[in-house]
N, C-alpha and C. Protein backbone atom coordinates (compact mmCIF):
# COMPACT_ATOMS: atom_id res chain seq x y z
N MET A 1 1.76 7.69 6.70
CA MET A 1 2.29 8.92 7.23
C MET A 1 2.56 9.90 6.10
N ILE A 2 3.15 9.43 5.00
CA ILE A 2 3.43 10.31 3.87
C ILE A 2 2.12 10.82 3.29
N THR A 3 1.12 9.95 3.21
CA THR A 3 -0.19 10.35 2.68
C THR A 3 -0.79 11.43 3.56
N GLU A 4 -0.73 11.26 4.86
CA GLU A 4 -1.29 12.25 5.77
C GLU A 4 -0.57 13.58 5.62
N LEU A 5 0.76 13.56 5.50
CA LEU A 5 1.52 14.80 5.33
C LEU A 5 1.17 15.49 4.03
N ALA A 6 0.99 14.72 2.97
CA ALA A 6 0.63 15.31 1.68
C ALA A 6 -0.74 15.96 1.74
N VAL A 7 -1.69 15.32 2.41
CA VAL A 7 -3.03 15.88 2.53
C VAL A 7 -2.99 17.16 3.35
N VAL A 8 -2.24 17.15 4.46
CA VAL A 8 -2.13 18.35 5.29
C VAL A 8 -1.48 19.49 4.50
N ALA A 9 -0.44 19.19 3.73
CA ALA A 9 0.23 20.21 2.93
C ALA A 9 -0.71 20.79 1.89
N LEU A 10 -1.52 19.97 1.26
CA LEU A 10 -2.48 20.44 0.26
C LEU A 10 -3.54 21.32 0.89
N VAL A 11 -4.04 20.95 2.06
CA VAL A 11 -5.05 21.75 2.76
C VAL A 11 -4.46 23.10 3.15
N VAL A 12 -3.23 23.10 3.67
CA VAL A 12 -2.58 24.36 4.06
C VAL A 12 -2.38 25.26 2.84
N ALA A 13 -1.98 24.69 1.71
CA ALA A 13 -1.77 25.48 0.50
C ALA A 13 -3.07 26.09 -0.01
N ILE A 14 -4.13 25.32 -0.02
CA ILE A 14 -5.42 25.83 -0.49
C ILE A 14 -5.95 26.90 0.46
N THR A 15 -5.81 26.69 1.76
CA THR A 15 -6.26 27.68 2.74
C THR A 15 -5.46 28.97 2.60
N GLY A 16 -4.17 28.86 2.40
CA GLY A 16 -3.33 30.04 2.20
C GLY A 16 -3.72 30.82 0.97
N ALA A 17 -4.01 30.12 -0.12
CA ALA A 17 -4.42 30.80 -1.35
C ALA A 17 -5.75 31.51 -1.15
N ALA A 18 -6.69 30.88 -0.45
CA ALA A 18 -7.99 31.51 -0.20
C ALA A 18 -7.85 32.73 0.68
N LEU A 19 -7.03 32.64 1.74
CA LEU A 19 -6.82 33.79 2.62
C LEU A 19 -6.12 34.93 1.90
N ALA A 20 -5.16 34.61 1.04
CA ALA A 20 -4.47 35.66 0.28
C ALA A 20 -5.43 36.36 -0.68
N ALA A 21 -6.28 35.59 -1.33
CA ALA A 21 -7.26 36.19 -2.24
C ALA A 21 -8.23 37.07 -1.48
N TYR A 22 -8.65 36.66 -0.31
CA TYR A 22 -9.56 37.46 0.50
C TYR A 22 -8.88 38.75 0.95
N ALA A 23 -7.62 38.66 1.37
CA ALA A 23 -6.89 39.85 1.82
C ALA A 23 -6.71 40.84 0.68
N VAL A 24 -6.39 40.36 -0.49
CA VAL A 24 -6.24 41.24 -1.65
C VAL A 24 -7.57 41.91 -1.96
N HIS A 25 -8.64 41.18 -1.88
CA HIS A 25 -9.97 41.74 -2.14
C HIS A 25 -10.31 42.84 -1.14
N ARG A 26 -10.03 42.61 0.13
CA ARG A 26 -10.37 43.59 1.16
C ARG A 26 -9.54 44.86 1.04
N VAL A 27 -8.31 44.75 0.59
CA VAL A 27 -7.41 45.91 0.55
C VAL A 27 -7.61 46.73 -0.72
N THR A 28 -7.72 46.09 -1.86
CA THR A 28 -7.67 46.82 -3.12
C THR A 28 -9.01 47.34 -3.62
N ARG A 29 -10.06 46.56 -3.54
CA ARG A 29 -11.39 46.95 -4.05
C ARG A 29 -11.31 47.68 -5.39
N PRO A 30 -10.85 47.00 -6.46
CA PRO A 30 -10.68 47.66 -7.75
C PRO A 30 -12.02 48.00 -8.42
N ALA A 31 -11.92 48.76 -9.50
CA ALA A 31 -13.11 49.16 -10.25
C ALA A 31 -13.80 47.94 -10.83
N ARG A 32 -15.10 48.07 -11.09
CA ARG A 32 -15.88 46.97 -11.66
C ARG A 32 -15.90 47.08 -13.18
N ARG A 33 -15.99 45.92 -13.81
CA ARG A 33 -16.05 45.85 -15.27
C ARG A 33 -17.44 45.37 -15.65
N ARG A 34 -18.05 46.00 -16.62
CA ARG A 34 -19.40 45.65 -17.02
C ARG A 34 -19.34 44.70 -18.21
N THR A 35 -20.07 43.57 -18.08
CA THR A 35 -20.22 42.64 -19.19
C THR A 35 -21.61 42.83 -19.77
N GLY A 36 -21.99 42.00 -20.70
CA GLY A 36 -23.31 42.12 -21.34
C GLY A 36 -24.45 42.03 -20.35
N ARG A 37 -24.35 41.18 -19.33
CA ARG A 37 -25.48 40.95 -18.43
C ARG A 37 -25.26 41.50 -17.03
N GLU A 38 -24.04 41.51 -16.55
CA GLU A 38 -23.81 41.85 -15.16
C GLU A 38 -22.51 42.62 -14.98
N GLU A 39 -22.38 43.20 -13.84
CA GLU A 39 -21.17 43.93 -13.50
C GLU A 39 -20.27 43.00 -12.69
N ILE A 40 -19.03 42.79 -13.15
CA ILE A 40 -18.10 41.86 -12.49
C ILE A 40 -16.91 42.65 -11.98
N PRO A 41 -16.61 42.54 -10.68
CA PRO A 41 -15.43 43.23 -10.15
C PRO A 41 -14.15 42.71 -10.82
N ALA A 42 -13.21 43.62 -11.05
CA ALA A 42 -11.95 43.23 -11.69
C ALA A 42 -11.19 42.21 -10.84
N ASP A 43 -11.28 42.35 -9.50
CA ASP A 43 -10.56 41.39 -8.66
C ASP A 43 -11.18 39.99 -8.74
N LEU A 44 -12.47 39.91 -9.05
CA LEU A 44 -13.09 38.60 -9.24
C LEU A 44 -12.55 37.93 -10.50
N GLU A 45 -12.36 38.71 -11.55
CA GLU A 45 -11.76 38.16 -12.78
C GLU A 45 -10.35 37.66 -12.49
N ALA A 46 -9.57 38.44 -11.73
CA ALA A 46 -8.21 38.02 -11.39
C ALA A 46 -8.23 36.75 -10.55
N LEU A 47 -9.19 36.65 -9.65
CA LEU A 47 -9.31 35.46 -8.81
C LEU A 47 -9.68 34.24 -9.65
N ARG A 48 -10.56 34.41 -10.62
CA ARG A 48 -10.90 33.30 -11.51
C ARG A 48 -9.68 32.81 -12.27
N GLU A 49 -8.87 33.72 -12.75
CA GLU A 49 -7.65 33.34 -13.47
C GLU A 49 -6.68 32.61 -12.54
N GLU A 50 -6.58 33.07 -11.30
CA GLU A 50 -5.70 32.43 -10.33
C GLU A 50 -6.19 31.01 -10.01
N VAL A 51 -7.48 30.84 -9.87
CA VAL A 51 -8.04 29.51 -9.61
C VAL A 51 -7.75 28.58 -10.78
N GLN A 52 -7.88 29.06 -12.01
CA GLN A 52 -7.55 28.23 -13.18
C GLN A 52 -6.09 27.81 -13.15
N ALA A 53 -5.20 28.76 -12.82
CA ALA A 53 -3.77 28.43 -12.75
C ALA A 53 -3.50 27.41 -11.65
N LEU A 54 -4.15 27.56 -10.51
CA LEU A 54 -3.97 26.60 -9.41
C LEU A 54 -4.47 25.21 -9.78
N ARG A 55 -5.59 25.15 -10.49
CA ARG A 55 -6.10 23.85 -10.93
C ARG A 55 -5.13 23.18 -11.90
N ALA A 56 -4.54 23.96 -12.79
CA ALA A 56 -3.57 23.40 -13.74
C ALA A 56 -2.35 22.89 -12.98
N ASP A 57 -1.86 23.66 -12.00
CA ASP A 57 -0.71 23.23 -11.21
C ASP A 57 -1.04 21.99 -10.38
N ALA A 58 -2.23 21.94 -9.80
CA ALA A 58 -2.61 20.81 -8.96
C ALA A 58 -2.66 19.51 -9.76
N GLY A 59 -3.00 19.60 -11.04
CA GLY A 59 -3.06 18.41 -11.88
C GLY A 59 -1.71 17.76 -12.08
N GLU A 60 -0.64 18.54 -11.90
CA GLU A 60 0.71 18.01 -12.10
C GLU A 60 1.40 17.63 -10.79
N THR A 61 0.71 17.74 -9.66
CA THR A 61 1.32 17.37 -8.39
C THR A 61 1.09 15.89 -8.12
N LEU A 62 1.96 15.32 -7.33
CA LEU A 62 1.82 13.91 -6.94
C LEU A 62 0.82 13.84 -5.80
N ARG A 63 -0.46 13.91 -6.13
CA ARG A 63 -1.48 13.97 -5.10
C ARG A 63 -2.31 12.71 -4.96
N HIS A 64 -2.10 11.74 -5.82
CA HIS A 64 -2.80 10.46 -5.70
C HIS A 64 -1.82 9.48 -5.07
N LEU A 65 -2.05 9.19 -3.81
CA LEU A 65 -1.12 8.39 -3.02
C LEU A 65 -1.83 7.17 -2.45
N ALA A 66 -1.14 6.05 -2.43
CA ALA A 66 -1.67 4.85 -1.78
C ALA A 66 -0.51 3.94 -1.41
N SER A 67 -0.66 3.27 -0.28
CA SER A 67 0.36 2.32 0.13
C SER A 67 -0.29 0.97 0.43
N VAL A 68 0.50 -0.07 0.22
CA VAL A 68 0.07 -1.44 0.50
C VAL A 68 1.17 -2.07 1.35
N ARG A 69 0.80 -2.58 2.52
CA ARG A 69 1.75 -3.27 3.39
C ARG A 69 1.48 -4.77 3.30
N TYR A 70 2.56 -5.55 3.39
CA TYR A 70 2.39 -7.00 3.23
C TYR A 70 3.62 -7.72 3.77
N ASP A 71 3.48 -9.03 3.92
CA ASP A 71 4.60 -9.91 4.28
C ASP A 71 5.18 -10.45 2.99
N ALA A 72 6.42 -10.08 2.69
CA ALA A 72 7.05 -10.53 1.45
C ALA A 72 7.45 -12.00 1.52
N PHE A 73 7.70 -12.50 2.72
CA PHE A 73 8.14 -13.88 2.88
C PHE A 73 7.22 -14.57 3.87
N GLY A 74 6.94 -15.84 3.64
CA GLY A 74 6.00 -16.58 4.47
C GLY A 74 6.42 -16.73 5.92
N ASP A 75 7.74 -16.75 6.19
CA ASP A 75 8.21 -16.97 7.56
C ASP A 75 8.36 -15.67 8.34
N MET A 76 7.95 -14.56 7.76
CA MET A 76 8.07 -13.25 8.43
C MET A 76 6.67 -12.77 8.79
N GLY A 77 6.57 -11.97 9.81
CA GLY A 77 5.29 -11.40 10.19
C GLY A 77 5.41 -9.89 10.32
N GLY A 78 4.32 -9.26 10.62
CA GLY A 78 4.33 -7.83 10.89
C GLY A 78 4.14 -6.93 9.68
N GLN A 79 3.98 -7.50 8.54
CA GLN A 79 3.78 -6.72 7.31
C GLN A 79 4.79 -5.56 7.21
N MET A 80 6.06 -5.90 7.20
CA MET A 80 7.13 -4.90 7.16
C MET A 80 7.49 -4.46 5.75
N SER A 81 7.05 -5.18 4.74
CA SER A 81 7.29 -4.78 3.35
C SER A 81 6.15 -3.89 2.90
N TRP A 82 6.43 -2.99 1.94
CA TRP A 82 5.39 -2.07 1.47
C TRP A 82 5.65 -1.60 0.05
N SER A 83 4.58 -1.18 -0.60
CA SER A 83 4.64 -0.54 -1.91
C SER A 83 3.85 0.76 -1.80
N LEU A 84 4.40 1.83 -2.35
CA LEU A 84 3.80 3.16 -2.26
C LEU A 84 3.73 3.76 -3.66
N ALA A 85 2.52 4.13 -4.09
CA ALA A 85 2.32 4.79 -5.39
C ALA A 85 2.15 6.28 -5.16
N LEU A 86 2.89 7.11 -5.91
CA LEU A 86 2.82 8.57 -5.87
C LEU A 86 2.57 9.03 -7.30
N LEU A 87 1.33 9.49 -7.58
CA LEU A 87 0.95 9.76 -8.97
C LEU A 87 0.22 11.10 -9.09
N ASP A 88 0.28 11.69 -10.29
CA ASP A 88 -0.47 12.91 -10.56
C ASP A 88 -1.80 12.57 -11.21
N ASP A 89 -2.55 13.60 -11.65
CA ASP A 89 -3.89 13.36 -12.21
C ASP A 89 -3.89 12.50 -13.46
N SER A 90 -2.81 12.54 -14.24
CA SER A 90 -2.77 11.74 -15.47
C SER A 90 -2.13 10.37 -15.26
N GLY A 91 -1.85 10.02 -14.00
CA GLY A 91 -1.30 8.70 -13.72
C GLY A 91 0.19 8.60 -13.92
N ASP A 92 0.88 9.73 -13.95
CA ASP A 92 2.33 9.74 -14.09
C ASP A 92 2.95 9.90 -12.70
N GLY A 93 4.03 9.18 -12.46
CA GLY A 93 4.70 9.28 -11.18
C GLY A 93 5.62 8.12 -10.94
N ILE A 94 5.54 7.58 -9.73
CA ILE A 94 6.48 6.54 -9.32
C ILE A 94 5.79 5.59 -8.34
N VAL A 95 6.26 4.35 -8.35
CA VAL A 95 5.86 3.40 -7.32
C VAL A 95 7.14 2.93 -6.64
N LEU A 96 7.16 3.07 -5.32
CA LEU A 96 8.31 2.67 -4.51
C LEU A 96 7.95 1.40 -3.76
N THR A 97 8.91 0.47 -3.67
CA THR A 97 8.67 -0.78 -2.96
C THR A 97 9.87 -1.08 -2.08
N SER A 98 9.59 -1.47 -0.84
CA SER A 98 10.63 -1.89 0.09
C SER A 98 10.30 -3.31 0.54
N ILE A 99 11.23 -4.22 0.28
CA ILE A 99 11.07 -5.62 0.66
C ILE A 99 11.93 -5.86 1.90
N HIS A 100 11.27 -6.22 2.98
CA HIS A 100 11.96 -6.43 4.25
C HIS A 100 12.16 -7.92 4.48
N GLY A 101 13.43 -8.32 4.66
CA GLY A 101 13.76 -9.70 4.97
C GLY A 101 14.37 -9.79 6.36
N ARG A 102 14.76 -11.00 6.73
CA ARG A 102 15.36 -11.18 8.07
C ARG A 102 16.69 -10.45 8.21
N SER A 103 17.51 -10.47 7.18
CA SER A 103 18.85 -9.90 7.31
C SER A 103 19.06 -8.63 6.50
N ASP A 104 18.11 -8.27 5.64
CA ASP A 104 18.31 -7.06 4.84
C ASP A 104 16.98 -6.53 4.32
N SER A 105 17.06 -5.33 3.79
CA SER A 105 15.91 -4.72 3.12
C SER A 105 16.38 -4.21 1.77
N ARG A 106 15.50 -4.29 0.82
CA ARG A 106 15.80 -3.78 -0.52
C ARG A 106 14.68 -2.83 -0.93
N THR A 107 15.06 -1.76 -1.61
CA THR A 107 14.09 -0.77 -2.05
C THR A 107 14.19 -0.62 -3.55
N TYR A 108 13.03 -0.54 -4.20
CA TYR A 108 12.95 -0.43 -5.64
C TYR A 108 12.06 0.76 -6.01
N ALA A 109 12.38 1.39 -7.13
CA ALA A 109 11.55 2.48 -7.66
C ALA A 109 11.27 2.19 -9.13
N LYS A 110 10.02 2.36 -9.51
CA LYS A 110 9.63 2.13 -10.91
C LYS A 110 8.80 3.32 -11.39
N ASN A 111 9.12 3.80 -12.59
CA ASN A 111 8.37 4.90 -13.19
C ASN A 111 7.02 4.41 -13.67
N VAL A 112 6.01 5.27 -13.48
CA VAL A 112 4.65 4.96 -13.92
C VAL A 112 4.22 6.06 -14.88
N THR A 113 3.67 5.69 -16.02
CA THR A 113 3.17 6.64 -17.01
C THR A 113 1.77 6.20 -17.41
N ALA A 114 0.82 7.11 -17.28
CA ALA A 114 -0.58 6.84 -17.64
C ALA A 114 -1.09 5.58 -16.93
N TRP A 115 -0.80 5.47 -15.64
CA TRP A 115 -1.28 4.38 -14.78
C TRP A 115 -0.68 3.03 -15.12
N THR A 116 0.34 2.97 -15.98
CA THR A 116 1.00 1.70 -16.31
C THR A 116 2.50 1.85 -16.16
N CYS A 117 3.19 0.71 -16.17
CA CYS A 117 4.64 0.71 -16.00
C CYS A 117 5.26 -0.18 -17.07
N ASP A 118 6.42 0.25 -17.60
CA ASP A 118 7.13 -0.55 -18.60
C ASP A 118 7.75 -1.79 -17.97
N GLN A 119 8.11 -1.71 -16.69
CA GLN A 119 8.69 -2.85 -15.99
C GLN A 119 7.56 -3.70 -15.41
N GLN A 120 7.88 -4.96 -15.16
CA GLN A 120 6.89 -5.84 -14.57
C GLN A 120 6.63 -5.40 -13.13
N LEU A 121 5.35 -5.31 -12.77
CA LEU A 121 4.96 -4.91 -11.43
C LEU A 121 4.59 -6.13 -10.60
N SER A 122 4.87 -6.06 -9.30
CA SER A 122 4.41 -7.11 -8.40
C SER A 122 2.91 -6.90 -8.16
N PRO A 123 2.22 -7.90 -7.66
CA PRO A 123 0.79 -7.72 -7.36
C PRO A 123 0.55 -6.58 -6.37
N GLU A 124 1.45 -6.41 -5.41
CA GLU A 124 1.30 -5.34 -4.42
C GLU A 124 1.49 -3.97 -5.05
N GLU A 125 2.43 -3.85 -6.00
CA GLU A 125 2.63 -2.57 -6.70
C GLU A 125 1.40 -2.24 -7.56
N THR A 126 0.85 -3.26 -8.21
CA THR A 126 -0.37 -3.07 -9.00
C THR A 126 -1.52 -2.63 -8.10
N ASP A 127 -1.62 -3.23 -6.91
CA ASP A 127 -2.66 -2.84 -5.96
C ASP A 127 -2.49 -1.40 -5.51
N ALA A 128 -1.25 -0.98 -5.25
CA ALA A 128 -1.00 0.39 -4.81
C ALA A 128 -1.39 1.39 -5.89
N ILE A 129 -1.04 1.10 -7.14
CA ILE A 129 -1.41 2.00 -8.25
C ILE A 129 -2.94 2.02 -8.40
N GLY A 130 -3.57 0.89 -8.30
CA GLY A 130 -5.03 0.84 -8.39
C GLY A 130 -5.71 1.61 -7.28
N ALA A 131 -5.17 1.52 -6.07
CA ALA A 131 -5.75 2.23 -4.92
C ALA A 131 -5.53 3.74 -5.04
N ALA A 132 -4.46 4.16 -5.69
CA ALA A 132 -4.19 5.59 -5.86
C ALA A 132 -5.04 6.22 -6.96
N ARG A 133 -5.50 5.39 -7.87
CA ARG A 133 -6.28 5.91 -9.01
C ARG A 133 -7.65 6.41 -8.53
N PRO A 134 -8.01 7.64 -8.87
CA PRO A 134 -9.29 8.17 -8.40
C PRO A 134 -10.47 7.44 -9.03
N ARG A 135 -11.52 7.28 -8.27
CA ARG A 135 -12.74 6.62 -8.75
C ARG A 135 -13.58 7.65 -9.46
N ARG A 136 -14.13 7.30 -10.62
CA ARG A 136 -14.96 8.25 -11.37
C ARG A 136 -16.35 7.75 -11.49
């Protein structure tokens, strides 16, 4: 559910930025600037700069998400325990784990830097970080 919400939020943000850029283009129509080979509208240059800034900002967002559900104890069913990795492009972020037992639940948070963690990770936490890491 968190993954779906993050994806929807990212799509809405990108769509909003594209619509805003289109609206600015339609309203202002600034003078064109001539380069060595071609004539480039000034608003196109501004849009290129804005796209570069958005790409830099997107690299620092927690956009690599993955969750792993599992049974923490053999006598329990329903895969009520989970680990969730929330990471940016450089692998920095957090892994959250909730262990569900018969009488209680415990939640843990561990910092992740460059796709690794200083604390010992459970196999499920390692799987969540691996699933969040983009394939190249």
